[in-house]
């Protein structure tokens, strides 16, 4: 009995009070829990194991719902213009002519020429702009119109020093320019 007592005394006074002893006790507990879990679970197929993979693909869209891709094979809808109103091409041509301006034009004259062809939001953004800041002088080709919806159109106009991109929205009296973007060549 004294040998057993000495062994327990050694275990509790020296071995378990060291870092190595505590690490060994934790490792024994962890392996014990894992072993007990494996004995209790006993999977029918060893390949199943602890894997949480589904047995068939996860679908987030009904496969019979049709094409949900970004690109569409359908032609975009044609822009709708009220009878007697300006078309997107006419609005883009007039806006570009006003945007390019003419020599000696004041900022007030320039903005007055742009205002009837612009949305109120764009007119507000152009309020502090000067015609001298326009980086081009003339149009170099016909406009390229990309219809996005019936009421939203993107127009690209080649100019002498770059390309002018206009986004037009439908209004009651025709189309209005909502965004102006300049792309230098």
N, C-alpha and C. Protein backbone atom coordinates (compact mmCIF):
# COMPACT_ATOMS: atom_id res chain seq x y z
N UNK A 1 0.80 -1.19 0.00
CA UNK A 1 0.00 0.00 0.00
C UNK A 1 0.86 1.26 0.00
N UNK A 2 2.02 1.16 0.54
CA UNK A 2 2.89 2.33 0.60
C UNK A 2 3.37 2.73 -0.80
N UNK A 3 3.56 1.76 -1.70
CA UNK A 3 3.99 2.09 -3.06
C UNK A 3 2.88 2.84 -3.80
N UNK A 4 1.66 2.43 -3.57
CA UNK A 4 0.54 3.12 -4.19
C UNK A 4 0.39 4.52 -3.63
N UNK A 5 0.59 4.64 -2.33
CA UNK A 5 0.48 5.94 -1.69
C UNK A 5 1.56 6.87 -2.20
N UNK A 6 2.77 6.36 -2.33
CA UNK A 6 3.87 7.18 -2.84
C UNK A 6 3.62 7.60 -4.30
N UNK A 7 3.08 6.74 -5.09
CA UNK A 7 2.80 7.06 -6.49
C UNK A 7 1.75 8.16 -6.59
N UNK A 8 0.67 8.05 -5.78
CA UNK A 8 -0.36 9.09 -5.78
C UNK A 8 0.20 10.41 -5.25
N UNK A 9 1.01 10.32 -4.21
CA UNK A 9 1.61 11.53 -3.64
C UNK A 9 2.51 12.21 -4.67
N UNK A 10 3.30 11.44 -5.41
CA UNK A 10 4.17 11.99 -6.45
C UNK A 10 3.34 12.64 -7.57
N UNK A 11 2.24 11.95 -7.90
CA UNK A 11 1.39 12.46 -8.97
C UNK A 11 0.78 13.81 -8.61
N UNK A 12 0.23 13.93 -7.40
CA UNK A 12 -0.46 15.16 -7.03
C UNK A 12 0.47 16.27 -6.54
N UNK A 13 1.61 15.96 -6.02
CA UNK A 13 2.50 17.01 -5.50
C UNK A 13 3.49 17.51 -6.54
N UNK A 14 3.91 16.68 -7.47
CA UNK A 14 4.93 17.11 -8.42
C UNK A 14 4.45 17.11 -9.87
N UNK A 15 3.94 15.99 -10.34
CA UNK A 15 3.63 15.84 -11.76
C UNK A 15 2.49 16.75 -12.21
N UNK A 16 1.39 16.78 -11.46
CA UNK A 16 0.25 17.57 -11.88
C UNK A 16 0.42 19.07 -11.62
N UNK A 17 1.39 19.45 -10.88
CA UNK A 17 1.62 20.87 -10.61
C UNK A 17 2.56 21.51 -11.64
N UNK A 18 3.13 20.70 -12.51
CA UNK A 18 3.99 21.26 -13.56
C UNK A 18 3.17 21.50 -14.83
N UNK A 19 3.68 22.30 -15.72
CA UNK A 19 3.01 22.58 -16.98
C UNK A 19 2.90 21.33 -17.84
N UNK A 20 3.93 20.55 -17.83
CA UNK A 20 3.93 19.33 -18.61
C UNK A 20 2.86 18.36 -18.10
N UNK A 21 2.70 18.27 -16.82
CA UNK A 21 1.69 17.38 -16.24
C UNK A 21 0.29 17.84 -16.60
N UNK A 22 0.03 19.14 -16.53
CA UNK A 22 -1.29 19.67 -16.87
C UNK A 22 -1.58 19.43 -18.35
N UNK A 23 -0.58 19.63 -19.22
CA UNK A 23 -0.76 19.39 -20.65
C UNK A 23 -1.08 17.93 -20.92
N UNK A 24 -0.41 17.02 -20.22
CA UNK A 24 -0.68 15.59 -20.40
C UNK A 24 -2.10 15.23 -19.96
N UNK A 25 -2.57 15.81 -18.86
CA UNK A 25 -3.92 15.52 -18.38
C UNK A 25 -4.95 16.03 -19.39
N UNK A 26 -4.74 17.24 -19.93
CA UNK A 26 -5.66 17.79 -20.92
C UNK A 26 -5.68 16.92 -22.18
N UNK A 27 -4.50 16.47 -22.64
CA UNK A 27 -4.42 15.62 -23.83
C UNK A 27 -5.16 14.31 -23.60
N UNK A 28 -5.01 13.71 -22.43
CA UNK A 28 -5.70 12.46 -22.13
C UNK A 28 -7.21 12.68 -22.14
N UNK A 29 -7.68 13.79 -21.58
CA UNK A 29 -9.12 14.07 -21.58
C UNK A 29 -9.65 14.26 -23.00
N UNK A 30 -8.91 14.99 -23.83
CA UNK A 30 -9.36 15.23 -25.21
C UNK A 30 -9.44 13.93 -25.99
N UNK A 31 -8.40 13.12 -25.92
CA UNK A 31 -8.42 11.84 -26.63
C UNK A 31 -9.50 10.92 -26.10
N UNK A 32 -9.78 11.00 -24.82
CA UNK A 32 -10.85 10.19 -24.24
C UNK A 32 -12.21 10.59 -24.78
N UNK A 33 -12.47 11.89 -24.90
CA UNK A 33 -13.75 12.36 -25.43
C UNK A 33 -13.89 11.97 -26.90
N UNK A 34 -12.84 12.15 -27.70
CA UNK A 34 -12.89 11.79 -29.12
C UNK A 34 -13.12 10.29 -29.28
N UNK A 35 -12.42 9.49 -28.50
CA UNK A 35 -12.60 8.03 -28.59
C UNK A 35 -14.00 7.60 -28.21
N UNK A 36 -14.54 8.21 -27.17
CA UNK A 36 -15.91 7.86 -26.75
C UNK A 36 -16.92 8.27 -27.82
N UNK A 37 -16.70 9.43 -28.47
CA UNK A 37 -17.62 9.88 -29.52
C UNK A 37 -17.58 8.94 -30.71
N UNK A 38 -16.41 8.47 -31.06
CA UNK A 38 -16.30 7.53 -32.18
C UNK A 38 -16.96 6.19 -31.86
N UNK A 39 -16.84 5.74 -30.64
CA UNK A 39 -17.47 4.48 -30.26
C UNK A 39 -18.99 4.59 -30.29
N UNK A 40 -19.51 5.74 -29.85
CA UNK A 40 -20.95 5.91 -29.77
C UNK A 40 -21.56 6.16 -31.15
N UNK A 41 -20.90 6.97 -32.00
CA UNK A 41 -21.50 7.35 -33.27
C UNK A 41 -21.54 6.19 -34.26
N UNK A 42 -20.48 5.48 -34.48
CA UNK A 42 -20.38 4.33 -35.37
C UNK A 42 -21.14 4.55 -36.69
N UNK A 43 -20.58 5.38 -37.62
CA UNK A 43 -21.29 5.63 -38.88
C UNK A 43 -21.38 4.39 -39.74
N UNK A 44 -22.47 4.29 -40.50
CA UNK A 44 -22.67 3.14 -41.37
C UNK A 44 -21.64 3.14 -42.50
N UNK A 45 -21.36 4.31 -43.06
CA UNK A 45 -20.38 4.44 -44.13
C UNK A 45 -19.19 5.22 -43.59
N UNK A 46 -17.99 4.65 -43.59
CA UNK A 46 -16.84 5.36 -43.04
C UNK A 46 -16.53 6.65 -43.80
N UNK A 47 -16.97 6.76 -45.05
CA UNK A 47 -16.72 7.98 -45.82
C UNK A 47 -17.57 9.14 -45.29
N UNK A 48 -18.71 8.84 -44.65
CA UNK A 48 -19.55 9.90 -44.10
C UNK A 48 -18.84 10.60 -42.96
N UNK A 49 -18.37 9.86 -42.01
CA UNK A 49 -17.59 10.40 -40.90
C UNK A 49 -18.16 11.69 -40.33
N UNK A 50 -17.27 12.66 -40.13
CA UNK A 50 -17.68 13.94 -39.56
C UNK A 50 -17.90 14.98 -40.65
N UNK A 51 -17.97 14.58 -41.92
CA UNK A 51 -18.16 15.51 -43.01
C UNK A 51 -19.57 16.07 -42.99
N UNK A 52 -19.68 17.38 -43.21
CA UNK A 52 -20.98 18.01 -43.26
C UNK A 52 -21.42 18.31 -44.68
N UNK A 53 -20.78 17.66 -45.65
CA UNK A 53 -21.12 17.93 -47.05
C UNK A 53 -22.49 17.39 -47.39
N UNK A 54 -23.26 18.13 -48.20
CA UNK A 54 -24.56 17.60 -48.63
C UNK A 54 -24.37 16.48 -49.65
N UNK A 55 -25.36 15.63 -49.76
CA UNK A 55 -25.25 14.50 -50.69
C UNK A 55 -25.69 14.88 -52.10
N UNK A 56 -26.22 16.11 -52.33
CA UNK A 56 -26.57 16.60 -53.66
C UNK A 56 -26.27 18.09 -53.72
N UNK A 57 -26.19 18.65 -54.90
CA UNK A 57 -25.85 20.08 -55.02
C UNK A 57 -26.91 20.98 -54.39
N UNK A 58 -26.45 22.07 -53.82
CA UNK A 58 -27.35 23.05 -53.25
C UNK A 58 -27.76 24.01 -54.35
N UNK A 59 -29.05 24.17 -54.59
CA UNK A 59 -29.52 25.10 -55.61
C UNK A 59 -30.23 26.25 -54.92
N UNK A 60 -29.95 27.46 -55.39
CA UNK A 60 -30.59 28.64 -54.82
C UNK A 60 -31.64 29.21 -55.75
N UNK A 61 -31.69 28.71 -56.97
CA UNK A 61 -32.65 29.18 -57.96
C UNK A 61 -33.37 27.97 -58.53
N UNK A 62 -34.65 28.13 -58.78
CA UNK A 62 -35.42 27.07 -59.39
C UNK A 62 -34.86 26.81 -60.78
N UNK A 63 -34.38 25.60 -61.07
CA UNK A 63 -33.78 25.33 -62.38
C UNK A 63 -34.75 25.47 -63.54
N UNK A 64 -36.04 25.48 -63.27
CA UNK A 64 -37.01 25.63 -64.35
C UNK A 64 -37.44 27.08 -64.53
N UNK A 65 -36.86 28.02 -63.77
CA UNK A 65 -37.29 29.42 -63.80
C UNK A 65 -36.77 30.18 -65.01
N UNK A 66 -35.81 29.65 -65.74
CA UNK A 66 -35.30 30.34 -66.92
C UNK A 66 -33.91 30.91 -66.67
N UNK A 67 -33.45 31.72 -67.58
CA UNK A 67 -32.11 32.28 -67.51
C UNK A 67 -32.08 33.44 -66.53
N UNK A 68 -31.16 33.36 -65.56
CA UNK A 68 -31.01 34.45 -64.60
C UNK A 68 -29.65 35.12 -64.74
N UNK A 69 -29.01 34.95 -65.89
CA UNK A 69 -27.69 35.51 -66.10
C UNK A 69 -27.71 37.01 -66.29
N UNK A 70 -26.52 37.62 -66.18
CA UNK A 70 -26.38 39.06 -66.31
C UNK A 70 -26.59 39.48 -67.76
N UNK A 71 -26.02 38.74 -68.67
CA UNK A 71 -26.17 39.11 -70.07
C UNK A 71 -27.46 38.52 -70.61
N UNK A 72 -28.12 39.29 -71.39
CA UNK A 72 -29.39 38.87 -71.95
C UNK A 72 -29.23 38.62 -73.44
N UNK A 73 -29.90 37.61 -73.94
CA UNK A 73 -29.86 37.34 -75.37
C UNK A 73 -30.91 38.14 -76.11
N UNK A 74 -31.84 38.73 -75.36
CA UNK A 74 -32.89 39.53 -75.98
C UNK A 74 -32.35 40.91 -76.33
N UNK A 75 -32.90 41.49 -77.37
CA UNK A 75 -32.54 42.86 -77.73
C UNK A 75 -33.15 43.80 -76.70
N UNK A 76 -32.41 44.84 -76.30
CA UNK A 76 -32.98 45.77 -75.33
C UNK A 76 -34.19 46.48 -75.92
N UNK A 77 -35.11 46.89 -75.08
CA UNK A 77 -36.30 47.56 -75.60
C UNK A 77 -35.95 48.89 -76.25
N UNK A 78 -36.70 49.26 -77.26
CA UNK A 78 -36.47 50.53 -77.93
C UNK A 78 -36.93 51.67 -77.03
N UNK A 79 -36.21 52.79 -77.08
CA UNK A 79 -36.64 53.92 -76.27
C UNK A 79 -37.99 54.47 -76.74
N UNK A 80 -38.80 54.84 -75.79
CA UNK A 80 -40.14 55.35 -76.11
C UNK A 80 -40.11 56.87 -76.09
N UNK A 81 -40.55 57.48 -77.16
CA UNK A 81 -40.60 58.93 -77.27
C UNK A 81 -42.04 59.35 -77.58
N UNK A 82 -42.51 60.35 -76.85
CA UNK A 82 -43.87 60.85 -77.09
C UNK A 82 -43.91 61.54 -78.45
N UNK A 83 -45.07 61.52 -79.13
CA UNK A 83 -45.18 62.19 -80.43
C UNK A 83 -44.84 63.67 -80.32
N UNK A 84 -43.99 64.15 -81.20
CA UNK A 84 -43.58 65.54 -81.22
C UNK A 84 -42.46 65.88 -80.26
N UNK A 85 -42.04 64.94 -79.41
CA UNK A 85 -40.96 65.20 -78.45
C UNK A 85 -39.61 64.86 -79.08
N UNK A 86 -38.54 65.36 -78.46
CA UNK A 86 -37.18 65.08 -78.96
C UNK A 86 -36.83 63.61 -78.74
N UNK A 87 -36.14 63.05 -79.71
CA UNK A 87 -35.63 61.68 -79.58
C UNK A 87 -34.33 61.73 -78.79
N UNK A 88 -33.82 60.59 -78.32
CA UNK A 88 -32.54 60.59 -77.62
C UNK A 88 -31.40 61.13 -78.49
N UNK A 89 -31.40 60.79 -79.79
CA UNK A 89 -30.35 61.26 -80.68
C UNK A 89 -30.38 62.78 -80.83
N UNK A 90 -31.59 63.33 -80.98
CA UNK A 90 -31.73 64.78 -81.11
C UNK A 90 -31.28 65.49 -79.83
N UNK A 91 -31.68 64.95 -78.69
CA UNK A 91 -31.28 65.54 -77.42
C UNK A 91 -29.77 65.47 -77.25
N UNK A 92 -29.17 64.33 -77.59
CA UNK A 92 -27.72 64.18 -77.46
C UNK A 92 -26.99 65.16 -78.38
N UNK A 93 -27.46 65.31 -79.62
CA UNK A 93 -26.82 66.25 -80.56
C UNK A 93 -26.91 67.68 -80.05
N UNK A 94 -28.10 68.08 -79.59
CA UNK A 94 -28.28 69.45 -79.10
C UNK A 94 -27.46 69.70 -77.84
N UNK A 95 -27.46 68.71 -76.92
CA UNK A 95 -26.70 68.87 -75.68
C UNK A 95 -25.21 68.97 -75.99
N UNK A 96 -24.72 68.14 -76.90
CA UNK A 96 -23.30 68.17 -77.25
C UNK A 96 -22.92 69.50 -77.87
N UNK A 97 -23.76 70.01 -78.76
CA UNK A 97 -23.48 71.32 -79.37
C UNK A 97 -23.44 72.41 -78.29
N UNK A 98 -24.38 72.36 -77.34
CA UNK A 98 -24.38 73.34 -76.26
C UNK A 98 -23.19 73.14 -75.33
N UNK A 99 -22.82 71.89 -75.07
CA UNK A 99 -21.70 71.57 -74.17
C UNK A 99 -20.37 72.05 -74.76
N UNK A 100 -20.20 71.85 -76.08
CA UNK A 100 -18.98 72.31 -76.72
C UNK A 100 -18.91 73.83 -76.77
N UNK A 101 -20.06 74.48 -76.83
CA UNK A 101 -20.11 75.94 -76.80
C UNK A 101 -19.48 76.57 -78.03
N UNK A 102 -19.17 77.87 -77.91
CA UNK A 102 -18.52 78.59 -78.99
C UNK A 102 -17.57 79.59 -78.36
N UNK A 103 -16.61 80.08 -79.09
CA UNK A 103 -15.63 81.01 -78.52
C UNK A 103 -16.30 82.29 -77.99
N UNK A 104 -15.82 82.77 -76.87
CA UNK A 104 -16.32 84.00 -76.27
C UNK A 104 -17.61 83.83 -75.48
N UNK A 105 -18.08 82.62 -75.29
CA UNK A 105 -19.33 82.39 -74.58
C UNK A 105 -19.09 82.53 -73.07
N UNK A 106 -20.01 83.21 -72.38
CA UNK A 106 -19.90 83.35 -70.93
C UNK A 106 -20.46 82.09 -70.25
N UNK A 107 -20.12 81.94 -68.98
CA UNK A 107 -20.61 80.78 -68.22
C UNK A 107 -22.12 80.80 -68.11
N UNK A 108 -22.71 81.97 -67.95
CA UNK A 108 -24.17 82.07 -67.85
C UNK A 108 -24.84 81.65 -69.16
N UNK A 109 -24.29 82.06 -70.29
CA UNK A 109 -24.85 81.67 -71.59
C UNK A 109 -24.71 80.17 -71.81
N UNK A 110 -23.55 79.65 -71.44
CA UNK A 110 -23.28 78.21 -71.61
C UNK A 110 -24.27 77.39 -70.78
N UNK A 111 -24.44 77.75 -69.51
CA UNK A 111 -25.35 77.01 -68.64
C UNK A 111 -26.81 77.17 -69.07
N UNK A 112 -27.16 78.34 -69.61
CA UNK A 112 -28.52 78.56 -70.10
C UNK A 112 -28.80 77.66 -71.31
N UNK A 113 -27.79 77.37 -72.12
CA UNK A 113 -27.96 76.47 -73.26
C UNK A 113 -28.08 75.02 -72.84
N UNK A 114 -27.45 74.64 -71.73
CA UNK A 114 -27.49 73.26 -71.25
C UNK A 114 -28.74 72.96 -70.41
N UNK A 115 -29.25 73.96 -69.70
CA UNK A 115 -30.33 73.75 -68.74
C UNK A 115 -31.59 73.11 -69.33
N UNK A 116 -32.10 73.53 -70.50
CA UNK A 116 -33.34 72.89 -71.00
C UNK A 116 -33.14 71.45 -71.46
N UNK A 117 -31.91 71.03 -71.63
CA UNK A 117 -31.63 69.67 -72.09
C UNK A 117 -31.16 68.76 -70.96
N UNK A 118 -31.07 69.30 -69.74
CA UNK A 118 -30.53 68.58 -68.58
C UNK A 118 -31.61 68.34 -67.53
N UNK A 119 -31.41 67.30 -66.73
CA UNK A 119 -32.27 67.09 -65.57
C UNK A 119 -31.91 68.14 -64.53
N UNK A 120 -32.80 68.43 -63.59
CA UNK A 120 -32.46 69.40 -62.55
C UNK A 120 -31.21 69.00 -61.75
N UNK A 121 -31.02 67.70 -61.53
CA UNK A 121 -29.84 67.24 -60.79
C UNK A 121 -28.56 67.57 -61.55
N UNK A 122 -28.54 67.34 -62.87
CA UNK A 122 -27.35 67.64 -63.66
C UNK A 122 -27.14 69.16 -63.75
N UNK A 123 -28.21 69.93 -63.91
CA UNK A 123 -28.09 71.38 -63.98
C UNK A 123 -27.46 71.92 -62.70
N UNK A 124 -27.82 71.32 -61.57
CA UNK A 124 -27.23 71.74 -60.29
C UNK A 124 -25.74 71.40 -60.22
N UNK A 125 -25.38 70.22 -60.73
CA UNK A 125 -23.96 69.83 -60.72
C UNK A 125 -23.13 70.70 -61.65
N UNK A 126 -23.71 71.18 -62.74
CA UNK A 126 -22.98 72.01 -63.70
C UNK A 126 -23.00 73.50 -63.33
N UNK A 127 -23.63 73.85 -62.20
CA UNK A 127 -23.80 75.25 -61.84
C UNK A 127 -22.47 76.00 -61.75
N UNK A 128 -21.41 75.41 -61.25
CA UNK A 128 -20.14 76.11 -61.11
C UNK A 128 -19.17 75.87 -62.25
N UNK A 129 -19.59 75.15 -63.26
CA UNK A 129 -18.68 74.79 -64.37
C UNK A 129 -18.53 75.95 -65.34
N UNK A 130 -17.42 75.96 -66.04
CA UNK A 130 -17.11 77.00 -67.03
C UNK A 130 -16.98 76.35 -68.40
N UNK A 131 -17.37 77.04 -69.48
CA UNK A 131 -17.23 76.47 -70.82
C UNK A 131 -15.77 76.29 -71.22
N UNK A 132 -14.87 77.03 -70.62
CA UNK A 132 -13.45 76.87 -70.93
C UNK A 132 -12.88 75.54 -70.45
N UNK A 133 -13.58 74.88 -69.54
CA UNK A 133 -13.12 73.59 -69.03
C UNK A 133 -13.49 72.41 -69.90
N UNK A 134 -14.23 72.65 -70.96
CA UNK A 134 -14.63 71.57 -71.87
C UNK A 134 -13.40 71.14 -72.67
N UNK A 135 -13.03 69.87 -72.61
CA UNK A 135 -11.78 69.42 -73.22
C UNK A 135 -11.85 69.09 -74.71
N UNK A 136 -12.91 69.47 -75.40
CA UNK A 136 -13.04 69.14 -76.82
C UNK A 136 -13.58 70.34 -77.57
N UNK A 137 -13.50 70.26 -78.91
CA UNK A 137 -13.96 71.38 -79.74
C UNK A 137 -15.00 70.98 -80.78
N UNK A 138 -14.97 69.72 -81.24
CA UNK A 138 -15.92 69.34 -82.29
C UNK A 138 -16.25 67.85 -82.23
N UNK A 139 -17.41 67.52 -82.82
CA UNK A 139 -17.87 66.13 -82.92
C UNK A 139 -17.22 65.50 -84.13
N UNK A 140 -16.76 64.24 -83.97
CA UNK A 140 -16.06 63.55 -85.07
C UNK A 140 -16.84 62.39 -85.66
N UNK A 141 -18.09 62.24 -85.34
CA UNK A 141 -18.85 61.12 -85.90
C UNK A 141 -20.26 61.07 -85.36
N UNK A 142 -21.04 60.12 -85.84
CA UNK A 142 -22.43 60.01 -85.40
C UNK A 142 -22.50 59.42 -83.98
N UNK A 143 -23.58 59.72 -83.27
CA UNK A 143 -23.73 59.15 -81.92
C UNK A 143 -24.04 57.66 -81.98
N UNK A 144 -23.58 56.95 -80.96
CA UNK A 144 -23.88 55.53 -80.81
C UNK A 144 -24.85 55.41 -79.63
N UNK A 145 -26.04 54.94 -79.90
CA UNK A 145 -27.09 54.87 -78.88
C UNK A 145 -27.21 53.44 -78.37
N UNK A 146 -27.16 53.28 -77.04
CA UNK A 146 -27.38 51.98 -76.39
C UNK A 146 -28.62 52.10 -75.52
N UNK A 147 -29.65 51.45 -75.92
CA UNK A 147 -30.89 51.48 -75.16
C UNK A 147 -30.77 50.51 -74.00
N UNK A 148 -30.96 50.99 -72.79
CA UNK A 148 -30.92 50.12 -71.61
C UNK A 148 -32.32 49.67 -71.21
N UNK A 149 -33.24 50.63 -71.18
CA UNK A 149 -34.66 50.34 -70.94
C UNK A 149 -35.45 51.27 -71.85
N UNK A 150 -36.76 51.25 -71.72
CA UNK A 150 -37.59 52.14 -72.54
C UNK A 150 -37.42 53.60 -72.14
N UNK A 151 -36.95 53.84 -70.91
CA UNK A 151 -36.83 55.22 -70.41
C UNK A 151 -35.41 55.60 -70.04
N UNK A 152 -34.43 54.77 -70.39
CA UNK A 152 -33.03 55.06 -70.06
C UNK A 152 -32.14 54.65 -71.24
N UNK A 153 -31.33 55.61 -71.70
CA UNK A 153 -30.49 55.40 -72.89
C UNK A 153 -29.09 55.94 -72.59
N UNK A 154 -28.09 55.24 -73.12
CA UNK A 154 -26.71 55.71 -73.04
C UNK A 154 -26.27 56.07 -74.46
N UNK A 155 -25.68 57.27 -74.61
CA UNK A 155 -25.24 57.74 -75.92
C UNK A 155 -23.76 58.02 -75.85
N UNK A 156 -23.00 57.49 -76.82
CA UNK A 156 -21.56 57.73 -76.92
C UNK A 156 -21.31 58.57 -78.17
N UNK A 157 -20.60 59.68 -77.99
CA UNK A 157 -20.31 60.58 -79.11
C UNK A 157 -18.80 60.72 -79.25
N UNK A 158 -18.24 60.38 -80.42
CA UNK A 158 -16.80 60.58 -80.63
C UNK A 158 -16.50 62.06 -80.87
N UNK A 159 -15.56 62.59 -80.11
CA UNK A 159 -15.15 63.98 -80.26
C UNK A 159 -13.69 64.02 -80.68
N UNK A 160 -13.19 65.21 -80.97
CA UNK A 160 -11.82 65.33 -81.49
C UNK A 160 -10.75 64.89 -80.49
N UNK A 161 -10.99 64.98 -79.20
CA UNK A 161 -9.97 64.61 -78.22
C UNK A 161 -10.40 63.49 -77.29
N UNK A 162 -11.51 62.86 -77.57
CA UNK A 162 -11.97 61.79 -76.69
C UNK A 162 -13.38 61.36 -77.03
N UNK A 163 -14.09 60.89 -76.02
CA UNK A 163 -15.44 60.40 -76.23
C UNK A 163 -16.34 60.94 -75.12
N UNK A 164 -17.49 61.44 -75.50
CA UNK A 164 -18.47 61.96 -74.56
C UNK A 164 -19.53 60.89 -74.35
N UNK A 165 -19.78 60.54 -73.08
CA UNK A 165 -20.81 59.55 -72.74
C UNK A 165 -21.92 60.27 -72.01
N UNK A 166 -23.12 60.17 -72.54
CA UNK A 166 -24.29 60.80 -71.95
C UNK A 166 -25.29 59.73 -71.55
N UNK A 167 -25.88 59.89 -70.38
CA UNK A 167 -26.98 59.03 -69.96
C UNK A 167 -28.24 59.88 -69.99
N UNK A 168 -29.22 59.44 -70.77
CA UNK A 168 -30.46 60.19 -70.95
C UNK A 168 -31.63 59.45 -70.32
N UNK A 169 -32.53 60.21 -69.74
CA UNK A 169 -33.74 59.64 -69.16
C UNK A 169 -34.94 60.29 -69.84
N UNK A 170 -36.01 59.54 -69.94
CA UNK A 170 -37.22 60.05 -70.60
C UNK A 170 -37.94 61.00 -69.65
N UNK A 171 -38.41 62.10 -70.23
CA UNK A 171 -39.22 63.07 -69.48
C UNK A 171 -40.49 63.34 -70.29
N UNK A 172 -41.37 64.18 -69.76
CA UNK A 172 -42.64 64.44 -70.44
C UNK A 172 -42.45 65.13 -71.78
N UNK A 173 -41.49 66.06 -71.85
CA UNK A 173 -41.30 66.82 -73.09
C UNK A 173 -40.14 66.29 -73.93
N UNK A 174 -39.73 65.08 -73.71
CA UNK A 174 -38.62 64.50 -74.47
C UNK A 174 -37.59 63.91 -73.53
N UNK A 175 -36.42 63.74 -74.03
CA UNK A 175 -35.34 63.13 -73.27
C UNK A 175 -34.47 64.22 -72.66
N UNK A 176 -33.93 63.93 -71.45
CA UNK A 176 -33.05 64.86 -70.76
C UNK A 176 -31.75 64.15 -70.39
N UNK A 177 -30.66 64.87 -70.45
CA UNK A 177 -29.36 64.32 -70.07
C UNK A 177 -29.27 64.34 -68.55
N UNK A 178 -28.92 63.18 -67.98
CA UNK A 178 -28.80 63.06 -66.53
C UNK A 178 -27.35 62.92 -66.07
N UNK A 179 -26.50 62.35 -66.92
CA UNK A 179 -25.08 62.14 -66.57
C UNK A 179 -24.22 62.50 -67.77
N UNK A 180 -23.13 63.22 -67.50
CA UNK A 180 -22.13 63.55 -68.51
C UNK A 180 -20.81 62.95 -68.06
N UNK A 181 -20.17 62.19 -68.94
CA UNK A 181 -18.88 61.59 -68.60
C UNK A 181 -17.94 61.78 -69.79
N UNK A 182 -16.74 62.21 -69.50
CA UNK A 182 -15.76 62.46 -70.53
C UNK A 182 -14.66 61.41 -70.45
N UNK A 183 -14.35 60.78 -71.59
CA UNK A 183 -13.28 59.78 -71.65
C UNK A 183 -12.24 60.24 -72.66
N UNK A 184 -11.06 60.58 -72.16
CA UNK A 184 -9.99 61.06 -73.05
C UNK A 184 -9.39 59.89 -73.81
N UNK A 185 -9.00 60.15 -75.07
CA UNK A 185 -8.40 59.09 -75.90
C UNK A 185 -6.96 58.89 -75.54
